[in-house]
Every structure is written in structure tokens, then in C-alpha cells.
Amino acid sequence: TLFHLCHYAISQEDSEFSQSRSFQPSRWLREKGEETKKHHPFASIPFGFGTRTCLGKRVAELEMFSVISRLIKHFEVRPDPSGKVVTAMTRTLLCPGSPINLQFIDRK
């Protein structure tokens, strides 16, 4: 039996995430003393879970942290001043429907 989970579709469900279509990075922060999350713990599992967890999960996370921290250290990252909205295109993986333009301004 083939089972395919569309993480993008689940993350857009208001029953799982309040204001699911708004950009709220704080929803992923864990507060000390917080007993339960506002969403189901398996509502988003991009690397899988248990025996089927992606083998490269830790490597991918470490590379993302490393690259992002270096970028933030050396550049101020700003969105495209034209304010163009980038829509999502759902494939097996979620990808942008058009190029994402950013400005990288050198920190001095």
C-alpha cells in the first residue's frame, strides 16, 4: 500500500493550526512550562517519524542552521522591494510558483 502525505495541505488546515494561512514562525517555538501544543504533534512531520525517519534529518538541519547563521552574520536579508507575492506550487515537494527575490545587504 502506497501512502503519500501532503504536508502543505495539512499545514493549511485551520482545524490543526490557528490562522493556518498566515506567516507565524512563533507557532514552532516551545515555551518553558507549556504543557500542550496548540496543534497535534504529528500535524507536521517533514522528516518522518520513528523507524522511517529520514536518515539525513540531522545533516539537513545542521546545514540549514550553518548556512542561515552565516548569511545573517554577514548580510541583512530583505524581501524584494517590489513586494511581489510568491505563491506555492504543490508537487511531490512544495516549490515556489515564481522566483523568490531577496536583497542581501552587506553588514559593516
PDB file of N, CA and C in Angstrom:
ATOM      1  N   THR A   1       0.844  -1.176   0.000  1.00  0.00           N
ATOM      2  CA  THR A   1       0.000   0.000   0.000  1.00  0.00           C
ATOM      3  C   THR A   1       0.886   1.235   0.000  1.00  0.00           C
ATOM      4  N   LEU A   2       0.661   2.116  -0.927  1.00  0.00           N
ATOM      5  CA  LEU A   2       1.407   3.363  -1.004  1.00  0.00           C
ATOM      6  C   LEU A   2       0.650   4.438  -0.235  1.00  0.00           C
ATOM      7  N   PHE A   3       1.361   5.126   0.625  1.00  0.00           N
ATOM      8  CA  PHE A   3       0.760   6.187   1.428  1.00  0.00           C
ATOM      9  C   PHE A   3       1.560   7.452   1.182  1.00  0.00           C
ATOM     10  N   HIS A   4       0.882   8.515   0.758  1.00  0.00           N
ATOM     11  CA  HIS A   4       1.559   9.791   0.493  1.00  0.00           C
ATOM     12  C   HIS A   4       0.901  10.861   1.347  1.00  0.00           C
ATOM     13  N   LEU A   5       1.690  11.570   2.128  1.00  0.00           N
ATOM     14  CA  LEU A   5       1.191  12.619   2.994  1.00  0.00           C
ATOM     15  C   LEU A   5       1.599  13.972   2.427  1.00  0.00           C
ATOM     16  N   CYS A   6       0.659  14.825   2.175  1.00  0.00           N
ATOM     17  CA  CYS A   6       0.944  16.164   1.664  1.00  0.00           C
ATOM     18  C   CYS A   6       1.031  17.128   2.843  1.00  0.00           C
ATOM     19  N   HIS A   7       2.265  17.437   3.259  1.00  0.00           N
ATOM     20  CA  HIS A   7       2.482  18.301   4.416  1.00  0.00           C
ATOM     21  C   HIS A   7       1.882  19.686   4.207  1.00  0.00           C
ATOM     22  N   TYR A   8       1.936  20.181   2.980  1.00  0.00           N
ATOM     23  CA  TYR A   8       1.407  21.512   2.682  1.00  0.00           C
ATOM     24  C   TYR A   8      -0.102  21.555   2.931  1.00  0.00           C
ATOM     25  N   ALA A   9      -0.806  20.535   2.492  1.00  0.00           N
ATOM     26  CA  ALA A   9      -2.258  20.512   2.676  1.00  0.00           C
ATOM     27  C   ALA A   9      -2.619  20.464   4.159  1.00  0.00           C
ATOM     28  N   ILE A  10      -1.913  19.656   4.926  1.00  0.00           N
ATOM     29  CA  ILE A  10      -2.204  19.551   6.354  1.00  0.00           C
ATOM     30  C   ILE A  10      -1.880  20.856   7.072  1.00  0.00           C
ATOM     31  N   SER A  11      -0.791  21.508   6.675  1.00  0.00           N
ATOM     32  CA  SER A  11      -0.410  22.752   7.354  1.00  0.00           C
ATOM     33  C   SER A  11      -1.356  23.900   7.034  1.00  0.00           C
ATOM     34  N   GLN A  12      -2.227  23.733   6.051  1.00  0.00           N
ATOM     35  CA  GLN A  12      -3.207  24.763   5.702  1.00  0.00           C
ATOM     36  C   GLN A  12      -4.565  24.528   6.374  1.00  0.00           C
ATOM     37  N   GLU A  13      -4.659  23.511   7.213  1.00  0.00           N
ATOM     38  CA  GLU A  13      -5.916  23.171   7.880  1.00  0.00           C
ATOM     39  C   GLU A  13      -6.104  23.996   9.145  1.00  0.00           C
ATOM     40  N   ASP A  14      -7.162  24.788   9.199  1.00  0.00           N
ATOM     41  CA  ASP A  14      -7.453  25.568  10.395  1.00  0.00           C
ATOM     42  C   ASP A  14      -7.796  24.681  11.593  1.00  0.00           C
ATOM     43  N   SER A  15      -8.211  23.455  11.328  1.00  0.00           N
ATOM     44  CA  SER A  15      -8.504  22.544  12.437  1.00  0.00           C
ATOM     45  C   SER A  15      -7.219  22.109  13.155  1.00  0.00           C
ATOM     46  N   GLU A  16      -6.070  22.190  12.478  1.00  0.00           N
ATOM     47  CA  GLU A  16      -4.788  21.814  13.079  1.00  0.00           C
ATOM     48  C   GLU A  16      -3.991  23.022  13.557  1.00  0.00           C
ATOM     49  N   PHE A  17      -4.055  24.123  12.814  1.00  0.00           N
ATOM     50  CA  PHE A  17      -3.274  25.308  13.128  1.00  0.00           C
ATOM     51  C   PHE A  17      -4.173  26.539  13.091  1.00  0.00           C
ATOM     52  N   SER A  18      -4.173  27.320  14.170  1.00  0.00           N
ATOM     53  CA  SER A  18      -4.961  28.553  14.151  1.00  0.00           C
ATOM     54  C   SER A  18      -4.327  29.524  13.165  1.00  0.00           C
ATOM     55  N   GLN A  19      -5.133  30.214  12.404  1.00  0.00           N
ATOM     56  CA  GLN A  19      -4.678  31.143  11.366  1.00  0.00           C
ATOM     57  C   GLN A  19      -3.619  30.478  10.490  1.00  0.00           C
ATOM     58  N   SER A  20      -3.974  29.326   9.953  1.00  0.00           N
ATOM     59  CA  SER A  20      -3.017  28.483   9.229  1.00  0.00           C
ATOM     60  C   SER A  20      -2.411  29.137   8.000  1.00  0.00           C
ATOM     61  N   ARG A  21      -3.099  30.078   7.401  1.00  0.00           N
ATOM     62  CA  ARG A  21      -2.583  30.689   6.172  1.00  0.00           C
ATOM     63  C   ARG A  21      -1.742  31.942   6.419  1.00  0.00           C
ATOM     64  N   SER A  22      -1.547  32.314   7.680  1.00  0.00           N
ATOM     65  CA  SER A  22      -0.710  33.470   7.977  1.00  0.00           C
ATOM     66  C   SER A  22       0.682  33.006   8.408  1.00  0.00           C
ATOM     67  N   PHE A  23       1.670  33.832   8.115  1.00  0.00           N
ATOM     68  CA  PHE A  23       3.063  33.524   8.446  1.00  0.00           C
ATOM     69  C   PHE A  23       3.289  33.788   9.925  1.00  0.00           C
ATOM     70  N   GLN A  24       3.459  32.735  10.707  1.00  0.00           N
ATOM     71  CA  GLN A  24       3.653  32.842  12.150  1.00  0.00           C
ATOM     72  C   GLN A  24       4.765  31.900  12.602  1.00  0.00           C
ATOM     73  N   PRO A  25       6.022  32.278  12.421  1.00  0.00           N
ATOM     74  CA  PRO A  25       7.116  31.393  12.836  1.00  0.00           C
ATOM     75  C   PRO A  25       7.090  31.063  14.317  1.00  0.00           C
ATOM     76  N   SER A  26       6.475  31.934  15.133  1.00  0.00           N
ATOM     77  CA  SER A  26       6.442  31.697  16.575  1.00  0.00           C
ATOM     78  C   SER A  26       5.628  30.455  16.945  1.00  0.00           C
ATOM     79  N   ARG A  27       4.796  29.966  16.032  1.00  0.00           N
ATOM     80  CA  ARG A  27       3.999  28.771  16.361  1.00  0.00           C
ATOM     81  C   ARG A  27       4.890  27.545  16.571  1.00  0.00           C
ATOM     82  N   TRP A  28       6.128  27.594  16.110  1.00  0.00           N
ATOM     83  CA  TRP A  28       7.025  26.445  16.254  1.00  0.00           C
ATOM     84  C   TRP A  28       7.915  26.551  17.481  1.00  0.00           C
ATOM     85  N   LEU A  29       7.873  27.687  18.189  1.00  0.00           N
ATOM     86  CA  LEU A  29       8.690  27.841  19.383  1.00  0.00           C
ATOM     87  C   LEU A  29       8.053  27.096  20.547  1.00  0.00           C
ATOM     88  N   ARG A  30       8.882  26.497  21.353  1.00  0.00           N
ATOM     89  CA  ARG A  30       8.393  25.793  22.541  1.00  0.00           C
ATOM     90  C   ARG A  30       8.703  26.646  23.749  1.00  0.00           C
ATOM     91  N   GLU A  31       7.673  26.987  24.476  1.00  0.00           N
ATOM     92  CA  GLU A  31       7.826  27.800  25.678  1.00  0.00           C
ATOM     93  C   GLU A  31       8.078  26.892  26.869  1.00  0.00           C
ATOM     94  N   LYS A  32       8.906  27.343  27.799  1.00  0.00           N
ATOM     95  CA  LYS A  32       9.132  26.565  29.018  1.00  0.00           C
ATOM     96  C   LYS A  32       7.841  26.511  29.811  1.00  0.00           C
ATOM     97  N   GLY A  33       7.524  25.339  30.318  1.00  0.00           N
ATOM     98  CA  GLY A  33       6.334  25.172  31.123  1.00  0.00           C
ATOM     99  C   GLY A  33       5.064  24.963  30.308  1.00  0.00           C
ATOM    100  N   GLU A  34       5.175  25.002  29.000  1.00  0.00           N
ATOM    101  CA  GLU A  34       3.981  24.805  28.168  1.00  0.00           C
ATOM    102  C   GLU A  34       3.645  23.318  28.158  1.00  0.00           C
ATOM    103  N   GLU A  35       2.460  22.977  28.609  1.00  0.00           N
ATOM    104  CA  GLU A  35       2.091  21.574  28.754  1.00  0.00           C
ATOM    105  C   GLU A  35       1.721  20.933  27.428  1.00  0.00           C
ATOM    106  N   THR A  36       0.906  21.590  26.641  1.00  0.00           N
ATOM    107  CA  THR A  36       0.488  21.009  25.371  1.00  0.00           C
ATOM    108  C   THR A  36       0.623  22.037  24.259  1.00  0.00           C
ATOM    109  N   LYS A  37       0.913  21.563  23.090  1.00  0.00           N
ATOM    110  CA  LYS A  37       0.971  22.441  21.931  1.00  0.00           C
ATOM    111  C   LYS A  37      -0.456  22.692  21.468  1.00  0.00           C
ATOM    112  N   LYS A  38      -0.623  23.760  20.718  1.00  0.00           N
ATOM    113  CA  LYS A  38      -1.946  24.103  20.227  1.00  0.00           C
ATOM    114  C   LYS A  38      -2.346  23.234  19.039  1.00  0.00           C
ATOM    115  N   HIS A  39      -1.373  22.536  18.460  1.00  0.00           N
ATOM    116  CA  HIS A  39      -1.664  21.654  17.330  1.00  0.00           C
ATOM    117  C   HIS A  39      -1.223  20.230  17.670  1.00  0.00           C
ATOM    118  N   HIS A  40      -1.722  19.282  16.914  1.00  0.00           N
ATOM    119  CA  HIS A  40      -1.371  17.880  17.119  1.00  0.00           C
ATOM    120  C   HIS A  40       0.120  17.685  16.835  1.00  0.00           C
ATOM    121  N   PRO A  41       0.843  16.922  17.658  1.00  0.00           N
ATOM    122  CA  PRO A  41       2.284  16.770  17.464  1.00  0.00           C
ATOM    123  C   PRO A  41       2.671  16.131  16.122  1.00  0.00           C
ATOM    124  N   PHE A  42       1.752  15.407  15.487  1.00  0.00           N
ATOM    125  CA  PHE A  42       2.048  14.805  14.196  1.00  0.00           C
ATOM    126  C   PHE A  42       1.411  15.564  13.030  1.00  0.00           C
ATOM    127  N   ALA A  43       0.968  16.800  13.275  1.00  0.00           N
ATOM    128  CA  ALA A  43       0.371  17.597  12.198  1.00  0.00           C
ATOM    129  C   ALA A  43       1.429  18.015  11.182  1.00  0.00           C
ATOM    130  N   SER A  44       2.672  18.091  11.598  1.00  0.00           N
ATOM    131  CA  SER A  44       3.766  18.419  10.685  1.00  0.00           C
ATOM    132  C   SER A  44       4.962  17.545  11.020  1.00  0.00           C
ATOM    133  N   ILE A  45       5.279  16.622  10.150  1.00  0.00           N
ATOM    134  CA  ILE A  45       6.432  15.744  10.338  1.00  0.00           C
ATOM    135  C   ILE A  45       7.208  15.657   9.016  1.00  0.00           C
ATOM    136  N   PRO A  46       7.872  16.750   8.624  1.00  0.00           N
ATOM    137  CA  PRO A  46       8.519  16.781   7.310  1.00  0.00           C
ATOM    138  C   PRO A  46       9.630  15.758   7.124  1.00  0.00           C
ATOM    139  N   PHE A  47      10.229  15.248   8.202  1.00  0.00           N
ATOM    140  CA  PHE A  47      11.290  14.259   8.074  1.00  0.00           C
ATOM    141  C   PHE A  47      10.820  12.850   8.443  1.00  0.00           C
ATOM    142  N   GLY A  48       9.531  12.667   8.622  1.00  0.00           N
ATOM    143  CA  GLY A  48       9.027  11.356   9.011  1.00  0.00           C
ATOM    144  C   GLY A  48       9.135  11.167  10.512  1.00  0.00           C
ATOM    145  N   PHE A  49       8.871   9.926  10.959  1.00  0.00           N
ATOM    146  CA  PHE A  49       8.880   9.647  12.390  1.00  0.00           C
ATOM    147  C   PHE A  49       9.209   8.183  12.622  1.00  0.00           C
ATOM    148  N   GLY A  50       9.844   7.913  13.744  1.00  0.00           N
ATOM    149  CA  GLY A  50      10.122   6.537  14.141  1.00  0.00           C
ATOM    150  C   GLY A  50      11.144   5.853  13.249  1.00  0.00           C
ATOM    151  N   THR A  51      10.884   4.581  12.931  1.00  0.00           N
ATOM    152  CA  THR A  51      11.838   3.807  12.134  1.00  0.00           C
ATOM    153  C   THR A  51      11.948   4.318  10.700  1.00  0.00           C
ATOM    154  N   ARG A  52      10.984   5.109  10.270  1.00  0.00           N
ATOM    155  CA  ARG A  52      11.013   5.652   8.901  1.00  0.00           C
ATOM    156  C   ARG A  52      11.505   7.101   8.848  1.00  0.00           C
ATOM    157  N   THR A  53      12.132   7.560   9.925  1.00  0.00           N
ATOM    158  CA  THR A  53      12.676   8.917   9.935  1.00  0.00           C
ATOM    159  C   THR A  53      13.774   9.030   8.891  1.00  0.00           C
ATOM    160  N   CYS A  54      13.819  10.173   8.231  1.00  0.00           N
ATOM    161  CA  CYS A  54      14.838  10.435   7.214  1.00  0.00           C
ATOM    162  C   CYS A  54      16.233  10.311   7.822  1.00  0.00           C
ATOM    163  N   LEU A  55      17.098   9.554   7.168  1.00  0.00           N
ATOM    164  CA  LEU A  55      18.458   9.361   7.670  1.00  0.00           C
ATOM    165  C   LEU A  55      19.258  10.662   7.650  1.00  0.00           C
ATOM    166  N   GLY A  56      18.939  11.552   6.740  1.00  0.00           N
ATOM    167  CA  GLY A  56      19.681  12.797   6.609  1.00  0.00           C
ATOM    168  C   GLY A  56      19.101  13.955   7.403  1.00  0.00           C
ATOM    169  N   LYS A  57      18.158  13.690   8.285  1.00  0.00           N
ATOM    170  CA  LYS A  57      17.487  14.765   9.026  1.00  0.00           C
ATOM    171  C   LYS A  57      18.479  15.655   9.764  1.00  0.00           C
ATOM    172  N   ARG A  58      19.332  15.080  10.597  1.00  0.00           N
ATOM    173  CA  ARG A  58      20.280  15.872  11.389  1.00  0.00           C
ATOM    174  C   ARG A  58      21.261  16.613  10.487  1.00  0.00           C
ATOM    175  N   VAL A  59      21.733  15.985   9.424  1.00  0.00           N
ATOM    176  CA  VAL A  59      22.659  16.642   8.500  1.00  0.00           C
ATOM    177  C   VAL A  59      21.967  17.829   7.828  1.00  0.00           C
ATOM    178  N   ALA A  60      20.737  17.620   7.373  1.00  0.00           N
ATOM    179  CA  ALA A  60      19.981  18.691   6.718  1.00  0.00           C
ATOM    180  C   ALA A  60      19.748  19.854   7.683  1.00  0.00           C
ATOM    181  N   GLU A  61      19.367  19.557   8.919  1.00  0.00           N
ATOM    182  CA  GLU A  61      19.125  20.613   9.896  1.00  0.00           C
ATOM    183  C   GLU A  61      20.409  21.372  10.228  1.00  0.00           C
ATOM    184  N   LEU A  62      21.516  20.647  10.412  1.00  0.00           N
ATOM    185  CA  LEU A  62      22.785  21.307  10.716  1.00  0.00           C
ATOM    186  C   LEU A  62      23.246  22.185   9.562  1.00  0.00           C
ATOM    187  N   GLU A  63      23.066  21.725   8.330  1.00  0.00           N
ATOM    188  CA  GLU A  63      23.442  22.531   7.172  1.00  0.00           C
ATOM    189  C   GLU A  63      22.575  23.783   7.081  1.00  0.00           C
ATOM    190  N   MET A  64      21.259  23.644   7.322  1.00  0.00           N
ATOM    191  CA  MET A  64      20.381  24.820   7.295  1.00  0.00           C
ATOM    192  C   MET A  64      20.790  25.831   8.360  1.00  0.00           C
ATOM    193  N   PHE A  65      21.033  25.381   9.591  1.00  0.00           N
ATOM    194  CA  PHE A  65      21.437  26.282  10.668  1.00  0.00           C
ATOM    195  C   PHE A  65      22.753  26.971  10.329  1.00  0.00           C
ATOM    196  N   SER A  66      23.703  26.211   9.796  1.00  0.00           N
ATOM    197  CA  SER A  66      25.013  26.751   9.458  1.00  0.00           C
ATOM    198  C   SER A  66      24.917  27.823   8.373  1.00  0.00           C
ATOM    199  N   VAL A  67      24.222  27.521   7.286  1.00  0.00           N
ATOM    200  CA  VAL A  67      24.101  28.467   6.180  1.00  0.00           C
ATOM    201  C   VAL A  67      23.326  29.710   6.593  1.00  0.00           C
ATOM    202  N   ILE A  68      22.208  29.525   7.277  1.00  0.00           N
ATOM    203  CA  ILE A  68      21.392  30.673   7.682  1.00  0.00           C
ATOM    204  C   ILE A  68      22.148  31.565   8.670  1.00  0.00           C
ATOM    205  N   SER A  69      22.855  30.961   9.630  1.00  0.00           N
ATOM    206  CA  SER A  69      23.598  31.780  10.597  1.00  0.00           C
ATOM    207  C   SER A  69      24.712  32.563   9.915  1.00  0.00           C
ATOM    208  N   ARG A  70      25.386  31.974   8.932  1.00  0.00           N
ATOM    209  CA  ARG A  70      26.433  32.700   8.199  1.00  0.00           C
ATOM    210  C   ARG A  70      25.838  33.830   7.363  1.00  0.00           C
ATOM    211  N   LEU A  71      24.706  33.559   6.713  1.00  0.00           N
ATOM    212  CA  LEU A  71      24.059  34.610   5.927  1.00  0.00           C
ATOM    213  C   LEU A  71      23.646  35.782   6.806  1.00  0.00           C
ATOM    214  N   ILE A  72      23.019  35.487   7.939  1.00  0.00           N
ATOM    215  CA  ILE A  72      22.541  36.531   8.843  1.00  0.00           C
ATOM    216  C   ILE A  72      23.717  37.296   9.451  1.00  0.00           C
ATOM    217  N   LYS A  73      24.819  36.606   9.695  1.00  0.00           N
ATOM    218  CA  LYS A  73      26.006  37.255  10.267  1.00  0.00           C
ATOM    219  C   LYS A  73      26.610  38.262   9.289  1.00  0.00           C
ATOM    220  N   HIS A  74      26.628  37.940   8.008  1.00  0.00           N
ATOM    221  CA  HIS A  74      27.306  38.776   7.019  1.00  0.00           C
ATOM    222  C   HIS A  74      26.385  39.697   6.222  1.00  0.00           C
ATOM    223  N   PHE A  75      25.098  39.391   6.184  1.00  0.00           N
ATOM    224  CA  PHE A  75      24.181  40.172   5.367  1.00  0.00           C
ATOM    225  C   PHE A  75      22.894  40.494   6.113  1.00  0.00           C
ATOM    226  N   GLU A  76      22.309  41.620   5.755  1.00  0.00           N
ATOM    227  CA  GLU A  76      20.946  41.925   6.160  1.00  0.00           C
ATOM    228  C   GLU A  76      20.074  41.456   4.999  1.00  0.00           C
ATOM    229  N   VAL A  77      19.165  40.558   5.276  1.00  0.00           N
ATOM    230  CA  VAL A  77      18.338  39.971   4.221  1.00  0.00           C
ATOM    231  C   VAL A  77      16.987  40.682   4.206  1.00  0.00           C
ATOM    232  N   ARG A  78      16.639  41.217   3.044  1.00  0.00           N
ATOM    233  CA  ARG A  78      15.371  41.940   2.892  1.00  0.00           C
ATOM    234  C   ARG A  78      14.585  41.352   1.723  1.00  0.00           C
ATOM    235  N   PRO A  79      13.264  41.444   1.790  1.00  0.00           N
ATOM    236  CA  PRO A  79      12.457  40.965   0.659  1.00  0.00           C
ATOM    237  C   PRO A  79      12.609  41.912  -0.537  1.00  0.00           C
ATOM    238  N   ASP A  80      12.203  41.433  -1.685  1.00  0.00           N
ATOM    239  CA  ASP A  80      12.211  42.234  -2.904  1.00  0.00           C
ATOM    240  C   ASP A  80      11.380  43.497  -2.674  1.00  0.00           C
ATOM    241  N   PRO A  81      11.946  44.684  -2.950  1.00  0.00           N
ATOM    242  CA  PRO A  81      11.193  45.919  -2.695  1.00  0.00           C
ATOM    243  C   PRO A  81       9.923  46.066  -3.540  1.00  0.00           C
ATOM    244  N   SER A  82       9.813  45.307  -4.611  1.00  0.00           N
ATOM    245  CA  SER A  82       8.596  45.406  -5.428  1.00  0.00           C
ATOM    246  C   SER A  82       7.386  44.821  -4.707  1.00  0.00           C
ATOM    247  N   GLY A  83       7.633  44.024  -3.666  1.00  0.00           N
ATOM    248  CA  GLY A  83       6.545  43.461  -2.876  1.00  0.00           C
ATOM    249  C   GLY A  83       5.767  42.370  -3.583  1.00  0.00           C
ATOM    250  N   LYS A  84       6.375  41.741  -4.572  1.00  0.00           N
ATOM    251  CA  LYS A  84       5.716  40.688  -5.342  1.00  0.00           C
ATOM    252  C   LYS A  84       5.411  39.484  -4.440  1.00  0.00           C
ATOM    253  N   VAL A  85       4.188  38.990  -4.498  1.00  0.00           N
ATOM    254  CA  VAL A  85       3.772  37.838  -3.698  1.00  0.00           C
ATOM    255  C   VAL A  85       4.137  36.557  -4.448  1.00  0.00           C
ATOM    256  N   VAL A  86       4.788  35.655  -3.747  1.00  0.00           N
ATOM    257  CA  VAL A  86       5.161  34.365  -4.330  1.00  0.00           C
ATOM    258  C   VAL A  86       4.147  33.329  -3.872  1.00  0.00           C
ATOM    259  N   THR A  87       3.522  32.673  -4.812  1.00  0.00           N
ATOM    260  CA  THR A  87       2.553  31.633  -4.479  1.00  0.00           C
ATOM    261  C   THR A  87       3.219  30.269  -4.499  1.00  0.00           C
ATOM    262  N   ALA A  88       2.623  29.339  -3.806  1.00  0.00           N
ATOM    263  CA  ALA A  88       3.172  27.988  -3.733  1.00  0.00           C
ATOM    264  C   ALA A  88       2.642  27.131  -4.876  1.00  0.00           C
ATOM    265  N   MET A  89       3.478  26.206  -5.325  1.00  0.00           N
ATOM    266  CA  MET A  89       3.095  25.257  -6.352  1.00  0.00           C
ATOM    267  C   MET A  89       3.265  23.867  -5.731  1.00  0.00           C
ATOM    268  N   THR A  90       2.176  23.140  -5.617  1.00  0.00           N
ATOM    269  CA  THR A  90       2.227  21.836  -4.963  1.00  0.00           C
ATOM    270  C   THR A  90       2.627  20.760  -5.963  1.00  0.00           C
ATOM    271  N   ARG A  91       3.734  20.133  -5.667  1.00  0.00           N
ATOM    272  CA  ARG A  91       4.217  18.958  -6.399  1.00  0.00           C
ATOM    273  C   ARG A  91       4.435  17.884  -5.335  1.00  0.00           C
ATOM    274  N   THR A  92       5.262  16.899  -5.600  1.00  0.00           N
ATOM    275  CA  THR A  92       5.604  15.969  -4.526  1.00  0.00           C
ATOM    276  C   THR A  92       6.253  16.755  -3.393  1.00  0.00           C
ATOM    277  N   LEU A  93       7.065  17.732  -3.771  1.00  0.00           N
ATOM    278  CA  LEU A  93       7.609  18.697  -2.818  1.00  0.00           C
ATOM    279  C   LEU A  93       6.966  20.039  -3.103  1.00  0.00           C
ATOM    280  N   LEU A  94       6.866  20.864  -2.106  1.00  0.00           N
ATOM    281  CA  LEU A  94       6.313  22.203  -2.290  1.00  0.00           C
ATOM    282  C   LEU A  94       7.397  23.094  -2.882  1.00  0.00           C
ATOM    283  N   CYS A  95       7.077  23.814  -3.937  1.00  0.00           N
ATOM    284  CA  CYS A  95       8.054  24.713  -4.553  1.00  0.00           C
ATOM    285  C   CYS A  95       7.390  26.037  -4.904  1.00  0.00           C
ATOM    286  N   PRO A  96       8.192  27.099  -5.014  1.00  0.00           N
ATOM    287  CA  PRO A  96       7.607  28.402  -5.338  1.00  0.00           C
ATOM    288  C   PRO A  96       7.100  28.436  -6.768  1.00  0.00           C
ATOM    289  N   GLY A  97       6.017  29.168  -6.999  1.00  0.00           N
ATOM    290  CA  GLY A  97       5.442  29.288  -8.329  1.00  0.00           C
ATOM    291  C   GLY A  97       6.203  30.261  -9.208  1.00  0.00           C
ATOM    292  N   SER A  98       7.038  31.111  -8.592  1.00  0.00           N
ATOM    293  CA  SER A  98       7.868  32.069  -9.316  1.00  0.00           C
ATOM    294  C   SER A  98       9.140  32.286  -8.497  1.00  0.00           C
ATOM    295  N   PRO A  99      10.155  32.887  -9.096  1.00  0.00           N
ATOM    296  CA  PRO A  99      11.400  33.100  -8.340  1.00  0.00           C
ATOM    297  C   PRO A  99      11.182  33.938  -7.080  1.00  0.00           C
ATOM    298  N   ILE A 100      11.928  33.624  -6.035  1.00  0.00           N
ATOM    299  CA  ILE A 100      11.889  34.382  -4.790  1.00  0.00           C
ATOM    300  C   ILE A 100      13.073  35.336  -4.821  1.00  0.00           C
ATOM    301  N   ASN A 101      12.794  36.614  -4.924  1.00  0.00           N
ATOM    302  CA  ASN A 101      13.858  37.616  -4.992  1.00  0.00           C
ATOM    303  C   ASN A 101      14.094  38.231  -3.616  1.00  0.00           C
ATOM    304  N   LEU A 102      15.348  38.193  -3.194  1.00  0.00           N
ATOM    305  CA  LEU A 102      15.758  38.769  -1.920  1.00  0.00           C
ATOM    306  C   LEU A 102      16.901  39.734  -2.155  1.00  0.00           C
ATOM    307  N   GLN A 103      17.046  40.687  -1.244  1.00  0.00           N
ATOM    308  CA  GLN A 103      18.187  41.596  -1.265  1.00  0.00           C
ATOM    309  C   GLN A 103      19.127  41.187  -0.146  1.00  0.00           C
ATOM    310  N   PHE A 104      20.416  41.057  -0.459  1.00  0.00           N
ATOM    311  CA  PHE A 104      21.431  40.762   0.541  1.00  0.00           C
ATOM    312  C   PHE A 104      22.305  42.001   0.682  1.00  0.00           C
ATOM    313  N   ILE A 105      22.152  42.720   1.792  1.00  0.00           N
ATOM    314  CA  ILE A 105      22.878  43.956   2.024  1.00  0.00           C
ATOM    315  C   ILE A 105      24.023  43.673   2.993  1.00  0.00           C
ATOM    316  N   ASP A 106      25.233  44.003   2.546  1.00  0.00           N
ATOM    317  CA  ASP A 106      26.433  43.722   3.323  1.00  0.00           C
ATOM    318  C   ASP A 106      26.399  44.415   4.677  1.00  0.00           C
ATOM    319  N   ARG A 107      26.672  43.670   5.751  1.00  0.00           N
ATOM    320  CA  ARG A 107      26.760  44.263   7.095  1.00  0.00           C
ATOM    321  C   ARG A 107      28.190  44.799   7.261  1.00  0.00           C
ATOM    322  N   LYS A 108      28.304  45.941   7.873  1.00  0.00           N
ATOM    323  CA  LYS A 108      29.646  46.524   8.064  1.00  0.00           C
ATOM    324  C   LYS A 108      29.989  46.654   9.504  1.00  0.00           C
TER     325      LYS A 108
END
